[in-house]
């Protein structure tokens, strides 16, 4: 049960840190059993999330964590945004937090990192105000002056604190996690930290001509985010190979070694079916295909960018 997972980590971590990190059973528990419990809570209603637990790397962490990642956004606690349980460094307290990857921000902004994270947190809160109302936006306190815990504090968007000495309500814990995961999905649909959906960039040339609504633009932007995720690209290539599924081009046959392994992932789910708060499928057999750069551009000019057969027909008719 989720309450058992949180309670065990809260109860045992302080003493575990006094012992050798290597092969410690609590470290294994954080990485494996705890993550499996989170997957069980989410996957029945919202499949597709990944979970990861970190007791530290080589040595015990000051603040251990259990994170939930949407692969469309990130699979790493170093970048993007995600849902995470952050355990206080000394007290029996854990925070369920919509938070941000801090490492990539610190690499770019250095001393301004926490100001940037707080600014990002404000942007994210404004994108999903109806979810914010059910949680706390009060600052979190992790009990450490070290860089990473302080960065986590700055990256906090909203969430909830649990006192691990109390009687934790299992149904409340599950409901809070599921609801925050729904907020996570909704946030991505609405653009996350991307520019406003009304702001067009070079990749939106075709959508600009079609005068899409804000919802349609959000669907298109999410579609493009899916295609650019490394997870989609890897899965698509592993299943379909690297030959364009529309025109048959294999880059290595034209460019030699330079083109080895190159191809672009394309998401086949119709844009109209992308909804707020609903997980996106990344099954390479049914949801993804691979296209060369030209065919990928052309399929996005179709009224229905999921219609691979229509693109193949147009290529055939011109030959």
Protein backbone atom coordinates (compact mmCIF):
# COMPACT_ATOMS: atom_id res chain seq x y z
CA UNK A 1 0.00 0.00 0.00
CA UNK A 2 1.11 3.56 -0.68
CA UNK A 3 0.97 4.54 2.99
CA UNK A 4 3.27 1.62 3.86
CA UNK A 5 5.77 2.75 1.23
CA UNK A 6 5.90 6.33 2.47
CA UNK A 7 5.95 5.32 6.12
CA UNK A 8 8.78 2.83 5.68
CA UNK A 9 11.00 5.31 3.87
CA UNK A 10 10.25 8.00 6.44
CA UNK A 11 10.88 5.64 9.35
CA UNK A 12 14.07 4.01 8.10
CA UNK A 13 15.95 6.55 6.01
CA UNK A 14 17.51 8.53 8.85
CA UNK A 15 19.08 5.39 10.36
CA UNK A 16 19.96 3.93 6.95
CA UNK A 17 22.12 6.98 6.19
CA UNK A 18 24.40 6.00 9.08
CA UNK A 19 25.22 2.72 7.32
CA UNK A 20 26.93 1.73 4.11
CA UNK A 21 25.01 2.74 0.99
CA UNK A 22 26.13 -0.20 -1.14
CA UNK A 23 23.52 -2.98 -1.33
CA UNK A 24 21.46 -1.52 1.51
CA UNK A 25 17.92 -3.01 1.44
CA UNK A 26 16.24 0.40 1.77
CA UNK A 27 18.06 1.66 -1.32
CA UNK A 28 16.79 -1.33 -3.28
CA UNK A 29 13.31 -0.82 -1.85
CA UNK A 30 13.26 2.80 -3.04
CA UNK A 31 14.37 1.86 -6.53
CA UNK A 32 12.11 -1.16 -7.01
CA UNK A 33 9.23 -1.99 -4.65
CA UNK A 34 8.26 1.62 -3.97
CA UNK A 35 8.18 2.40 -7.68
CA UNK A 36 6.05 -0.66 -8.39
CA UNK A 37 3.49 0.50 -5.83
CA UNK A 38 3.25 3.91 -7.50
CA UNK A 39 2.83 2.25 -10.89
CA UNK A 40 0.00 0.15 -9.50
CA UNK A 41 -1.79 3.23 -8.19
CA UNK A 42 -1.59 5.06 -11.51
CA UNK A 43 -1.66 2.48 -14.27
CA UNK A 44 -5.22 1.26 -13.79
CA UNK A 45 -6.62 4.65 -14.80
CA UNK A 46 -3.65 6.40 -16.40
CA UNK A 47 -1.23 3.96 -18.04
CA UNK A 48 2.02 5.15 -19.54
CA UNK A 49 3.68 6.90 -16.63
CA UNK A 50 7.16 5.84 -15.53
CA UNK A 51 8.33 5.93 -11.93
CA UNK A 52 11.81 6.15 -10.45
CA UNK A 53 13.11 6.21 -6.91
CA UNK A 54 16.42 7.69 -5.80
CA UNK A 55 18.07 6.96 -2.45
CA UNK A 56 21.20 8.63 -3.84
CA UNK A 57 23.96 7.89 -6.34
CA UNK A 58 26.98 6.21 -4.82
CA UNK A 59 26.14 7.77 -1.45
CA UNK A 60 22.94 8.44 0.45
CA UNK A 61 20.98 11.44 -0.78
CA UNK A 62 20.19 14.25 1.61
CA UNK A 63 16.61 14.17 0.29
CA UNK A 64 15.45 10.84 -1.19
CA UNK A 65 12.64 10.96 -3.72
CA UNK A 66 10.08 8.95 -5.67
CA UNK A 67 9.14 10.52 -9.00
CA UNK A 68 6.47 10.02 -11.65
CA UNK A 69 7.45 10.89 -15.22
CA UNK A 70 5.34 11.40 -18.32
CA UNK A 71 7.73 10.20 -21.06
CA UNK A 72 6.34 12.85 -23.41
CA UNK A 73 7.85 15.48 -21.08
CA UNK A 74 10.84 13.79 -19.40
CA UNK A 75 12.18 10.54 -18.00
CA UNK A 76 14.76 12.28 -15.83
CA UNK A 77 14.56 14.31 -12.64
CA UNK A 78 17.19 16.61 -14.14
CA UNK A 79 14.91 18.34 -16.64
CA UNK A 80 11.31 19.16 -17.47
CA UNK A 81 8.61 18.88 -14.81
CA UNK A 82 7.15 15.90 -13.00
CA UNK A 83 5.31 14.67 -9.91
CA UNK A 84 7.51 13.66 -6.99
CA UNK A 85 7.50 12.62 -3.34
CA UNK A 86 10.29 14.54 -1.56
CA UNK A 87 11.26 13.29 1.90
CA UNK A 88 12.43 15.79 4.51
CA UNK A 89 16.12 15.34 5.31
CA UNK A 90 15.58 14.87 9.06
CA UNK A 91 11.89 15.05 9.99
CA UNK A 92 9.12 12.45 9.41
CA UNK A 93 7.56 14.54 6.64
CA UNK A 94 7.08 13.93 2.93
CA UNK A 95 5.82 16.32 0.26
CA UNK A 96 3.84 15.30 -2.81
CA UNK A 97 4.96 17.96 -5.26
CA UNK A 98 4.54 19.01 -8.84
CA UNK A 99 8.14 20.02 -9.29
CA UNK A 100 10.80 20.76 -11.88
CA UNK A 101 14.09 19.34 -13.06
CA UNK A 102 16.72 21.56 -11.54
CA UNK A 103 20.00 20.29 -12.99
CA UNK A 104 19.38 21.55 -16.54
CA UNK A 105 18.21 24.93 -15.23
CA UNK A 106 21.26 25.30 -12.99
CA UNK A 107 23.56 24.35 -15.88
CA UNK A 108 22.09 27.19 -17.93
CA UNK A 109 21.38 29.90 -15.35
CA UNK A 110 23.89 29.31 -12.54
CA UNK A 111 23.32 31.70 -9.64
CA UNK A 112 19.94 32.74 -11.01
CA UNK A 113 18.64 29.17 -10.91
CA UNK A 114 16.20 29.55 -8.03
CA UNK A 115 14.74 32.77 -9.41
CA UNK A 116 14.19 31.03 -12.74
CA UNK A 117 12.59 28.00 -11.05
CA UNK A 118 10.24 30.20 -9.03
CA UNK A 119 9.29 32.10 -12.17
CA UNK A 120 8.62 28.82 -13.99
CA UNK A 121 6.53 27.61 -11.04
CA UNK A 122 4.35 30.71 -11.31
CA UNK A 123 3.85 30.11 -15.03
CA UNK A 124 2.86 26.49 -14.45
CA UNK A 125 0.37 27.46 -11.73
CA UNK A 126 -1.28 29.97 -14.04
CA UNK A 127 -1.76 27.29 -16.70
CA UNK A 128 -3.84 24.98 -14.47
CA UNK A 129 -5.54 27.15 -11.82
CA UNK A 130 -8.40 24.71 -11.26
CA UNK A 131 -5.92 22.10 -9.98
CA UNK A 132 -3.97 24.55 -7.84
CA UNK A 133 -7.10 25.22 -5.79
CA UNK A 134 -7.07 21.68 -4.38
CA UNK A 135 -3.48 21.77 -3.14
CA UNK A 136 -1.09 24.02 -1.24
CA UNK A 137 1.14 26.59 -2.92
CA UNK A 138 3.00 27.31 0.34
CA UNK A 139 6.78 26.91 0.11
CA UNK A 140 8.14 23.51 1.08
CA UNK A 141 10.95 23.03 3.61
CA UNK A 142 13.27 20.05 3.20
CA UNK A 143 15.55 20.75 6.16
CA UNK A 144 18.85 21.19 4.35
CA UNK A 145 20.98 24.09 3.14
CA UNK A 146 22.59 22.00 0.41
CA UNK A 147 22.19 23.07 -3.22
CA UNK A 148 19.91 20.33 -4.51
CA UNK A 149 17.34 20.38 -1.70
CA UNK A 150 17.16 24.18 -1.90
CA UNK A 151 16.64 23.91 -5.65
CA UNK A 152 13.81 21.42 -5.10
CA UNK A 153 12.21 23.93 -2.76
CA UNK A 154 12.40 26.63 -5.43
CA UNK A 155 11.06 24.29 -8.12
CA UNK A 156 7.91 23.40 -6.16
CA UNK A 157 4.75 24.36 -8.06
CA UNK A 158 2.07 23.06 -5.69
CA UNK A 159 1.31 19.91 -3.73
CA UNK A 160 0.62 18.50 -0.29
CA UNK A 161 2.55 17.72 2.90
CA UNK A 162 2.04 14.50 4.88
CA UNK A 163 3.06 13.96 8.50
CA UNK A 164 4.43 10.42 8.56
CA UNK A 165 3.86 10.09 12.31
CA UNK A 166 0.11 10.35 11.79
CA UNK A 167 -2.44 7.84 10.54
CA UNK A 168 -2.17 8.18 6.77
CA UNK A 169 -5.41 7.70 4.83
CA UNK A 170 -4.69 5.29 1.97
CA UNK A 171 -7.60 6.48 -0.17
CA UNK A 172 -6.58 10.10 0.30
CA UNK A 173 -3.00 9.30 -0.68
CA UNK A 174 -4.13 7.51 -3.83
CA UNK A 175 -6.60 10.23 -4.75
CA UNK A 176 -3.99 12.97 -4.26
CA UNK A 177 -1.46 11.16 -6.45
CA UNK A 178 -3.96 10.39 -9.21
CA UNK A 179 -5.32 13.91 -9.22
CA UNK A 180 -1.83 15.44 -9.37
CA UNK A 181 -0.97 13.08 -12.23
CA UNK A 182 -4.06 14.34 -14.05
CA UNK A 183 -2.87 17.91 -13.43
CA UNK A 184 0.51 16.91 -14.89
CA UNK A 185 -1.12 15.62 -18.09
CA UNK A 186 -3.37 18.67 -18.36
CA UNK A 187 -0.39 20.97 -17.91
CA UNK A 188 1.41 19.32 -20.82
CA UNK A 189 -1.68 19.59 -23.02
CA UNK A 190 -1.83 23.31 -22.27
CA UNK A 191 1.80 23.84 -23.18
CA UNK A 192 3.78 23.32 -19.99
CA UNK A 193 6.62 25.82 -20.11
CA UNK A 194 6.28 26.37 -23.85
CA UNK A 195 5.20 29.75 -25.28
CA UNK A 196 1.51 30.54 -25.46
CA UNK A 197 -0.43 28.36 -27.94
CA UNK A 198 -1.35 31.55 -29.74
CA UNK A 199 2.34 32.16 -30.47
CA UNK A 200 3.40 30.53 -33.74
CA UNK A 201 6.91 29.38 -34.54
CA UNK A 202 8.55 28.07 -37.69
CA UNK A 203 7.08 24.59 -37.25
CA UNK A 204 3.55 26.04 -37.06
CA UNK A 205 3.49 27.50 -40.59
CA UNK A 206 0.80 25.13 -41.79
CA UNK A 207 -1.35 25.52 -38.70
CA UNK A 208 -1.19 29.30 -39.05
CA UNK A 209 -2.79 29.03 -42.49
CA UNK A 210 -5.63 26.93 -41.07
CA UNK A 211 -6.58 29.46 -38.36
CA UNK A 212 -6.74 26.81 -35.64
CA UNK A 213 -8.50 27.45 -32.36
CA UNK A 214 -6.48 27.52 -29.12
CA UNK A 215 -7.57 23.94 -28.34
CA UNK A 216 -6.60 22.74 -31.82
CA UNK A 217 -3.24 24.48 -31.50
CA UNK A 218 -2.69 22.81 -28.14
CA UNK A 219 -3.47 19.44 -29.73
CA UNK A 220 -0.98 20.15 -32.51
CA UNK A 221 1.72 21.30 -30.10
CA UNK A 222 1.25 18.17 -27.96
CA UNK A 223 1.45 16.04 -31.10
CA UNK A 224 4.78 17.64 -32.01
CA UNK A 225 6.09 17.28 -28.46
CA UNK A 226 5.31 13.55 -28.59
CA UNK A 227 7.23 13.17 -31.84
CA UNK A 228 10.27 14.98 -30.49
CA UNK A 229 10.49 12.96 -27.29
CA UNK A 230 13.48 10.65 -27.27
CA UNK A 231 11.32 7.80 -26.01
CA UNK A 232 9.05 7.97 -29.05
CA UNK A 233 12.02 8.08 -31.42
CA UNK A 234 13.74 5.10 -29.84
CA UNK A 235 10.57 3.01 -29.66
CA UNK A 236 9.59 3.82 -33.25
CA UNK A 237 13.01 2.89 -34.65
CA UNK A 238 13.22 -0.32 -32.66
CA UNK A 239 9.88 -1.48 -34.05
CA UNK A 240 9.85 -0.06 -37.59
CA UNK A 241 13.53 0.25 -38.42
CA UNK A 242 14.94 3.30 -40.19
CA UNK A 243 13.31 3.08 -43.64
CA UNK A 244 10.66 5.73 -44.32
CA UNK A 245 7.25 4.09 -44.09
CA UNK A 246 5.83 6.43 -46.74
CA UNK A 247 8.38 6.74 -49.58
CA UNK A 248 10.82 3.96 -48.66
CA UNK A 249 13.90 6.16 -48.28
CA UNK A 250 16.75 4.72 -46.20
CA UNK A 251 19.12 7.57 -45.38
CA UNK A 252 22.22 5.38 -45.28
CA UNK A 253 21.61 4.34 -48.90
CA UNK A 254 21.86 7.97 -49.99
CA UNK A 255 24.28 9.50 -47.47
CA UNK A 256 26.31 6.45 -46.43
CA UNK A 257 27.59 6.35 -42.87
CA UNK A 258 26.36 9.91 -42.28
CA UNK A 259 22.78 8.70 -42.60
CA UNK A 260 23.13 5.55 -40.50
CA UNK A 261 20.30 5.22 -38.01
CA UNK A 262 18.63 8.50 -38.96
CA UNK A 263 14.84 8.69 -39.25
CA UNK A 264 12.07 10.74 -37.62
CA UNK A 265 9.24 9.45 -35.44
CA UNK A 266 5.67 10.35 -36.36
CA UNK A 267 2.68 10.00 -34.05
CA UNK A 268 -0.31 8.41 -35.77
CA UNK A 269 -3.05 9.26 -33.31
CA UNK A 270 -5.53 11.77 -34.84
CA UNK A 271 -5.08 15.22 -33.34
CA UNK A 272 -8.77 15.46 -32.52
CA UNK A 273 -8.43 12.55 -30.06
CA UNK A 274 -5.79 14.27 -27.91
CA UNK A 275 -7.51 15.44 -24.74
CA UNK A 276 -6.64 17.23 -21.54
CA UNK A 277 -5.71 14.97 -18.66
CA UNK A 278 -5.68 11.81 -20.80
CA UNK A 279 -2.45 9.77 -21.24
CA UNK A 280 -1.02 9.54 -24.74
CA UNK A 281 -0.22 6.14 -26.21
CA UNK A 282 3.34 5.45 -27.33
CA UNK A 283 2.86 1.88 -28.56
CA UNK A 284 5.24 1.72 -31.56
CA UNK A 285 3.05 -0.85 -33.34
CA UNK A 286 -0.13 1.24 -33.29
CA UNK A 287 0.73 4.81 -32.26
CA UNK A 288 4.01 5.52 -34.03
CA UNK A 289 5.66 5.20 -37.42
CA UNK A 290 8.92 6.45 -38.96
CA UNK A 291 9.22 8.97 -41.79
CA UNK A 292 12.02 10.74 -43.62
CA UNK A 293 12.22 14.49 -43.05
CA UNK A 294 10.44 15.33 -46.31
CA UNK A 295 7.55 12.93 -45.79
CA UNK A 296 7.25 14.09 -42.21
CA UNK A 297 6.84 17.67 -43.38
CA UNK A 298 4.32 16.65 -46.02
CA UNK A 299 2.13 14.54 -43.74
CA UNK A 300 1.74 17.58 -41.50
CA UNK A 301 0.31 19.47 -44.47
CA UNK A 302 -2.55 16.99 -44.76
CA UNK A 303 -5.84 17.82 -43.07
CA UNK A 304 -5.33 14.64 -41.05
CA UNK A 305 -1.62 14.17 -40.18
CA UNK A 306 -2.42 10.67 -38.92
CA UNK A 307 -3.44 9.49 -42.41
CA UNK A 308 -0.33 7.62 -43.53
CA UNK A 309 -2.22 5.83 -46.29
CA UNK A 310 -3.24 9.15 -47.85
CA UNK A 311 0.40 10.27 -47.96
CA UNK A 312 1.46 6.96 -49.51
CA UNK A 313 -1.28 7.33 -52.14
CA UNK A 314 -0.15 10.82 -53.08
CA UNK A 315 3.45 9.63 -53.44
CA UNK A 316 2.30 6.68 -55.61
CA UNK A 317 0.14 8.89 -57.81
CA UNK A 318 3.07 11.16 -58.67
CA UNK A 319 5.41 8.34 -59.69
